[in-house]
PDB file of N, CA and C in Angstrom:
ATOM      1  N   MET A   1     -32.671  11.410 -47.604  1.00  0.00           N
ATOM      2  CA  MET A   1     -31.638  12.838 -47.467  1.00  0.00           C
ATOM      3  C   MET A   1     -30.424  12.980 -46.052  1.00  0.00           C
ATOM      4  N   ASP A   2     -29.058  13.870 -46.370  1.00  0.00           N
ATOM      5  CA  ASP A   2     -28.292  13.690 -45.892  1.00  0.00           C
ATOM      6  C   ASP A   2     -28.204  14.496 -45.061  1.00  0.00           C
ATOM      7  N   PHE A   3     -27.759  14.552 -43.733  1.00  0.00           N
ATOM      8  CA  PHE A   3     -28.071  15.024 -42.817  1.00  0.00           C
ATOM      9  C   PHE A   3     -26.690  15.282 -41.717  1.00  0.00           C
ATOM     10  N   SER A   4     -25.994  16.715 -41.783  1.00  0.00           N
ATOM     11  CA  SER A   4     -25.101  16.904 -40.540  1.00  0.00           C
ATOM     12  C   SER A   4     -24.892  17.486 -39.330  1.00  0.00           C
ATOM     13  N   VAL A   5     -24.351  17.208 -38.793  1.00  0.00           N
ATOM     14  CA  VAL A   5     -24.496  18.876 -37.250  1.00  0.00           C
ATOM     15  C   VAL A   5     -23.937  19.793 -37.920  1.00  0.00           C
ATOM     16  N   GLY A   6     -24.892  20.767 -37.318  1.00  0.00           N
ATOM     17  CA  GLY A   6     -25.262  22.233 -36.849  1.00  0.00           C
ATOM     18  C   GLY A   6     -26.309  22.253 -38.387  1.00  0.00           C
ATOM     19  N   ASP A   7     -27.427  21.487 -39.089  1.00  0.00           N
ATOM     20  CA  ASP A   7     -28.475  21.559 -40.171  1.00  0.00           C
ATOM     21  C   ASP A   7     -29.580  21.764 -39.475  1.00  0.00           C
ATOM     22  N   ILE A   8     -30.447  22.870 -39.944  1.00  0.00           N
ATOM     23  CA  ILE A   8     -31.439  23.123 -39.330  1.00  0.00           C
ATOM     24  C   ILE A   8     -31.804  22.545 -39.990  1.00  0.00           C
ATOM     25  N   VAL A   9     -34.052  22.203 -39.464  1.00  0.00           N
ATOM     26  CA  VAL A   9     -34.420  21.327 -40.440  1.00  0.00           C
ATOM     27  C   VAL A   9     -35.993  21.436 -39.725  1.00  0.00           C
ATOM     28  N   GLN A  10     -36.052  21.572 -41.489  1.00  0.00           N
ATOM     29  CA  GLN A  10     -37.685  21.686 -39.696  1.00  0.00           C
ATOM     30  C   GLN A  10     -38.942  19.975 -40.309  1.00  0.00           C
ATOM     31  N   MET A  11     -39.240  20.109 -39.286  1.00  0.00           N
ATOM     32  CA  MET A  11     -40.178  19.132 -38.639  1.00  0.00           C
ATOM     33  C   MET A  11     -41.641  19.026 -38.901  1.00  0.00           C
ATOM     34  N   LYS A  12     -42.452  17.677 -39.639  1.00  0.00           N
ATOM     35  CA  LYS A  12     -43.873  17.800 -39.973  1.00  0.00           C
ATOM     36  C   LYS A  12     -43.980  18.957 -38.710  1.00  0.00           C
ATOM     37  N   LYS A  13     -44.922  18.288 -37.788  1.00  0.00           N
ATOM     38  CA  LYS A  13     -45.212  18.281 -36.363  1.00  0.00           C
ATOM     39  C   LYS A  13     -44.673  19.695 -35.840  1.00  0.00           C
ATOM     40  N   SER A  14     -45.337  20.730 -34.872  1.00  0.00           N
ATOM     41  CA  SER A  14     -44.526  21.926 -34.166  1.00  0.00           C
ATOM     42  C   SER A  14     -44.120  21.672 -32.965  1.00  0.00           C
ATOM     43  N   HIS A  15     -43.233  22.338 -32.396  1.00  0.00           N
ATOM     44  CA  HIS A  15     -42.597  22.279 -30.726  1.00  0.00           C
ATOM     45  C   HIS A  15     -43.603  22.837 -30.430  1.00  0.00           C
ATOM     46  N   PRO A  16     -44.014  22.372 -28.391  1.00  0.00           N
ATOM     47  CA  PRO A  16     -45.567  23.428 -28.491  1.00  0.00           C
ATOM     48  C   PRO A  16     -44.798  24.384 -27.572  1.00  0.00           C
ATOM     49  N   CYS A  17     -44.101  25.064 -28.026  1.00  0.00           N
ATOM     50  CA  CYS A  17     -43.483  26.831 -28.240  1.00  0.00           C
ATOM     51  C   CYS A  17     -43.834  27.638 -29.359  1.00  0.00           C
ATOM     52  N   GLY A  18     -44.215  26.593 -30.066  1.00  0.00           N
ATOM     53  CA  GLY A  18     -44.459  26.896 -31.531  1.00  0.00           C
ATOM     54  C   GLY A  18     -43.839  27.220 -32.160  1.00  0.00           C
ATOM     55  N   SER A  19     -41.797  26.796 -32.474  1.00  0.00           N
ATOM     56  CA  SER A  19     -41.462  26.804 -33.324  1.00  0.00           C
ATOM     57  C   SER A  19     -41.190  24.740 -34.102  1.00  0.00           C
ATOM     58  N   ALA A  20     -41.264  24.791 -35.913  1.00  0.00           N
ATOM     59  CA  ALA A  20     -41.144  23.749 -36.354  1.00  0.00           C
ATOM     60  C   ALA A  20     -39.491  23.622 -35.910  1.00  0.00           C
ATOM     61  N   GLN A  21     -38.594  24.429 -36.032  1.00  0.00           N
ATOM     62  CA  GLN A  21     -37.443  24.861 -36.726  1.00  0.00           C
ATOM     63  C   GLN A  21     -36.986  23.499 -35.665  1.00  0.00           C
ATOM     64  N   TRP A  22     -34.976  22.755 -36.418  1.00  0.00           N
ATOM     65  CA  TRP A  22     -34.525  21.873 -34.867  1.00  0.00           C
ATOM     66  C   TRP A  22     -33.184  22.281 -35.736  1.00  0.00           C
ATOM     67  N   GLU A  23     -32.411  22.469 -34.709  1.00  0.00           N
ATOM     68  CA  GLU A  23     -30.555  22.156 -34.673  1.00  0.00           C
ATOM     69  C   GLU A  23     -30.453  21.050 -34.805  1.00  0.00           C
ATOM     70  N   ILE A  24     -29.783  20.462 -35.367  1.00  0.00           N
ATOM     71  CA  ILE A  24     -28.729  18.994 -35.460  1.00  0.00           C
ATOM     72  C   ILE A  24     -27.771  19.323 -34.560  1.00  0.00           C
ATOM     73  N   LEU A  25     -27.789  18.370 -33.681  1.00  0.00           N
ATOM     74  CA  LEU A  25     -26.801  18.479 -32.377  1.00  0.00           C
ATOM     75  C   LEU A  25     -25.892  17.562 -32.576  1.00  0.00           C
ATOM     76  N   ARG A  26     -26.077  15.680 -33.023  1.00  0.00           N
ATOM     77  CA  ARG A  26     -25.430  14.663 -32.392  1.00  0.00           C
ATOM     78  C   ARG A  26     -25.840  13.677 -34.411  1.00  0.00           C
ATOM     79  N   THR A  27     -25.977  12.827 -34.703  1.00  0.00           N
ATOM     80  CA  THR A  27     -25.909  12.124 -35.382  1.00  0.00           C
ATOM     81  C   THR A  27     -25.504  10.944 -35.568  1.00  0.00           C
ATOM     82  N   GLY A  28     -25.843  10.037 -35.592  1.00  0.00           N
ATOM     83  CA  GLY A  28     -25.824   8.814 -35.912  1.00  0.00           C
ATOM     84  C   GLY A  28     -27.418   7.550 -35.304  1.00  0.00           C
ATOM     85  N   ILE A  29     -26.520   6.478 -35.052  1.00  0.00           N
ATOM     86  CA  ILE A  29     -27.691   6.226 -34.922  1.00  0.00           C
ATOM     87  C   ILE A  29     -29.193   6.657 -33.478  1.00  0.00           C
ATOM     88  N   ASP A  30     -29.208   7.456 -33.108  1.00  0.00           N
ATOM     89  CA  ASP A  30     -29.969   8.449 -32.466  1.00  0.00           C
ATOM     90  C   ASP A  30     -29.398  10.310 -33.290  1.00  0.00           C
ATOM     91  N   PHE A  31     -30.198  11.069 -33.031  1.00  0.00           N
ATOM     92  CA  PHE A  31     -30.166  12.241 -33.325  1.00  0.00           C
ATOM     93  C   PHE A  31     -30.628  13.254 -32.169  1.00  0.00           C
ATOM     94  N   ARG A  32     -30.402  14.290 -31.751  1.00  0.00           N
ATOM     95  CA  ARG A  32     -30.068  14.725 -30.642  1.00  0.00           C
ATOM     96  C   ARG A  32     -30.832  16.034 -31.486  1.00  0.00           C
ATOM     97  N   ILE A  33     -31.322  16.622 -31.135  1.00  0.00           N
ATOM     98  CA  ILE A  33     -31.624  17.704 -31.887  1.00  0.00           C
ATOM     99  C   ILE A  33     -32.047  18.816 -30.713  1.00  0.00           C
ATOM    100  N   LYS A  34     -31.982  20.697 -31.118  1.00  0.00           N
ATOM    101  CA  LYS A  34     -32.162  21.378 -30.271  1.00  0.00           C
ATOM    102  C   LYS A  34     -33.325  22.408 -30.824  1.00  0.00           C
ATOM    103  N   CYS A  35     -34.782  22.724 -30.617  1.00  0.00           N
ATOM    104  CA  CYS A  35     -35.555  23.360 -30.666  1.00  0.00           C
ATOM    105  C   CYS A  35     -35.161  24.868 -31.337  1.00  0.00           C
ATOM    106  N   CYS A  36     -34.986  25.881 -32.233  1.00  0.00           N
ATOM    107  CA  CYS A  36     -34.640  26.777 -32.560  1.00  0.00           C
ATOM    108  C   CYS A  36     -35.491  27.901 -31.854  1.00  0.00           C
ATOM    109  N   GLY A  37     -36.757  27.700 -31.164  1.00  0.00           N
ATOM    110  CA  GLY A  37     -37.597  28.543 -30.099  1.00  0.00           C
ATOM    111  C   GLY A  37     -37.709  29.089 -29.006  1.00  0.00           C
ATOM    112  N   CYS A  38     -36.909  27.987 -28.375  1.00  0.00           N
ATOM    113  CA  CYS A  38     -36.891  27.922 -26.987  1.00  0.00           C
ATOM    114  C   CYS A  38     -35.684  27.146 -26.679  1.00  0.00           C
ATOM    115  N   GLY A  39     -34.968  26.162 -27.207  1.00  0.00           N
ATOM    116  CA  GLY A  39     -33.492  25.661 -26.530  1.00  0.00           C
ATOM    117  C   GLY A  39     -33.955  23.984 -26.604  1.00  0.00           C
ATOM    118  N   HIS A  40     -34.709  23.530 -26.310  1.00  0.00           N
ATOM    119  CA  HIS A  40     -35.307  22.671 -25.674  1.00  0.00           C
ATOM    120  C   HIS A  40     -34.507  21.010 -26.841  1.00  0.00           C
ATOM    121  N   MET A  41     -33.717  20.138 -26.544  1.00  0.00           N
ATOM    122  CA  MET A  41     -33.013  18.662 -26.546  1.00  0.00           C
ATOM    123  C   MET A  41     -34.079  17.844 -26.762  1.00  0.00           C
ATOM    124  N   VAL A  42     -33.900  16.991 -27.395  1.00  0.00           N
ATOM    125  CA  VAL A  42     -34.896  15.728 -27.690  1.00  0.00           C
ATOM    126  C   VAL A  42     -34.116  14.952 -28.288  1.00  0.00           C
ATOM    127  N   MET A  43     -33.660  13.682 -27.562  1.00  0.00           N
ATOM    128  CA  MET A  43     -32.964  12.521 -28.531  1.00  0.00           C
ATOM    129  C   MET A  43     -33.835  11.802 -28.970  1.00  0.00           C
ATOM    130  N   LEU A  44     -33.419  11.867 -30.327  1.00  0.00           N
ATOM    131  CA  LEU A  44     -35.313  10.958 -31.221  1.00  0.00           C
ATOM    132  C   LEU A  44     -33.972   9.467 -32.078  1.00  0.00           C
ATOM    133  N   PRO A  45     -34.724   8.261 -31.717  1.00  0.00           N
ATOM    134  CA  PRO A  45     -33.835   6.655 -32.850  1.00  0.00           C
ATOM    135  C   PRO A  45     -33.833   8.018 -34.658  1.00  0.00           C
ATOM    136  N   ARG A  46     -33.167   7.228 -35.657  1.00  0.00           N
ATOM    137  CA  ARG A  46     -32.670   8.098 -36.672  1.00  0.00           C
ATOM    138  C   ARG A  46     -34.723   8.002 -37.236  1.00  0.00           C
ATOM    139  N   VAL A  47     -34.296   6.473 -37.525  1.00  0.00           N
ATOM    140  CA  VAL A  47     -35.651   5.540 -37.978  1.00  0.00           C
ATOM    141  C   VAL A  47     -37.108   6.759 -37.771  1.00  0.00           C
ATOM    142  N   LYS A  48     -37.418   7.254 -36.870  1.00  0.00           N
ATOM    143  CA  LYS A  48     -38.324   8.908 -36.395  1.00  0.00           C
ATOM    144  C   LYS A  48     -37.969   9.621 -37.040  1.00  0.00           C
ATOM    145  N   PHE A  49     -36.379  10.316 -36.168  1.00  0.00           N
ATOM    146  CA  PHE A  49     -36.341  11.627 -37.003  1.00  0.00           C
ATOM    147  C   PHE A  49     -36.255  11.717 -38.435  1.00  0.00           C
ATOM    148  N   GLU A  50     -36.244  10.549 -39.192  1.00  0.00           N
ATOM    149  CA  GLU A  50     -35.557  11.385 -41.020  1.00  0.00           C
ATOM    150  C   GLU A  50     -37.796  10.783 -41.841  1.00  0.00           C
ATOM    151  N   LYS A  51     -38.278  10.004 -40.894  1.00  0.00           N
ATOM    152  CA  LYS A  51     -39.852  10.111 -40.599  1.00  0.00           C
ATOM    153  C   LYS A  51     -41.150  10.810 -40.833  1.00  0.00           C
ATOM    154  N   ASN A  52     -40.135  12.143 -39.707  1.00  0.00           N
ATOM    155  CA  ASN A  52     -40.703  13.725 -39.138  1.00  0.00           C
ATOM    156  C   ASN A  52     -40.067  14.755 -39.616  1.00  0.00           C
ATOM    157  N   VAL A  53     -38.510  14.205 -40.311  1.00  0.00           N
ATOM    158  CA  VAL A  53     -37.769  15.664 -40.786  1.00  0.00           C
ATOM    159  C   VAL A  53     -39.002  15.862 -42.242  1.00  0.00           C
ATOM    160  N   LYS A  54     -39.500  17.068 -42.949  1.00  0.00           N
ATOM    161  CA  LYS A  54     -40.002  17.850 -43.833  1.00  0.00           C
ATOM    162  C   LYS A  54     -38.820  18.394 -44.529  1.00  0.00           C
ATOM    163  N   LYS A  55     -38.328  18.786 -44.535  1.00  0.00           N
ATOM    164  CA  LYS A  55     -37.050  19.789 -45.239  1.00  0.00           C
ATOM    165  C   LYS A  55     -36.197  20.013 -44.854  1.00  0.00           C
ATOM    166  N   ILE A  56     -34.960  20.208 -45.159  1.00  0.00           N
ATOM    167  CA  ILE A  56     -34.160  21.136 -44.457  1.00  0.00           C
ATOM    168  C   ILE A  56     -33.573  22.580 -44.907  1.00  0.00           C
ATOM    169  N   ILE A  57     -33.963  23.858 -44.056  1.00  0.00           N
ATOM    170  CA  ILE A  57     -33.661  24.637 -44.135  1.00  0.00           C
ATOM    171  C   ILE A  57     -32.446  25.565 -44.098  1.00  0.00           C
ATOM    172  N   SER A  58     -31.566  25.089 -43.663  1.00  0.00           N
ATOM    173  CA  SER A  58     -30.145  25.567 -43.903  1.00  0.00           C
ATOM    174  C   SER A  58     -29.073  24.335 -42.989  1.00  0.00           C
ATOM    175  N   SER A  59     -27.857  24.146 -44.153  1.00  0.00           N
ATOM    176  CA  SER A  59     -26.360  23.353 -44.490  1.00  0.00           C
ATOM    177  C   SER A  59     -25.555  23.981 -43.154  1.00  0.00           C
ATOM    178  N   GLY A  60     -25.017  23.070 -42.519  1.00  0.00           N
ATOM    179  CA  GLY A  60     -24.469  23.856 -40.922  1.00  0.00           C
ATOM    180  C   GLY A  60     -23.092  24.065 -41.766  1.00  0.00           C
ATOM    181  N   THR A  61     -22.726  22.803 -42.620  1.00  0.00           N
ATOM    182  CA  THR A  61     -21.469  23.161 -43.629  1.00  0.00           C
ATOM    183  C   THR A  61     -21.211  24.010 -44.168  1.00  0.00           C
ATOM    184  N   PRO A  62     -20.038  24.155 -44.606  1.00  0.00           N
ATOM    185  CA  PRO A  62     -19.355  25.884 -45.774  1.00  0.00           C
ATOM    186  C   PRO A  62     -19.901  24.166 -47.616  1.00  0.00           C
ATOM    187  N   GLN A  63     -21.108  25.326 -48.242  1.00  0.00           N
ATOM    188  CA  GLN A  63     -20.691  24.991 -49.651  1.00  0.00           C
ATOM    189  C   GLN A  63     -19.242  25.333 -49.808  1.00  0.00           C
ATOM    190  N   GLU A  64     -18.854  23.855 -50.896  1.00  0.00           N
ATOM    191  CA  GLU A  64     -17.696  24.397 -51.873  1.00  0.00           C
ATOM    192  C   GLU A  64     -18.054  24.805 -52.874  1.00  0.00           C
ATOM    193  N   GLU A  65     -18.392  25.867 -53.516  1.00  0.00           N
ATOM    194  CA  GLU A  65     -18.205  27.029 -55.318  1.00  0.00           C
ATOM    195  C   GLU A  65     -17.284  26.656 -55.864  1.00  0.00           C
TER     196      GLU A  65
END
């Protein structure tokens, strides 16, 4: 999968607030993601992030037509 800043992704497990949707704030070796429900921010290593992503809900980059 190809991830970019601004993407909204669904994780396999939901956050304790009840939301399973996260916004990607930073990519690289580590990912910084923000919960779309409560705004909590978490940093994860790339390997753990890619393992736990279920699907990309919306892309942060505009699509060319």
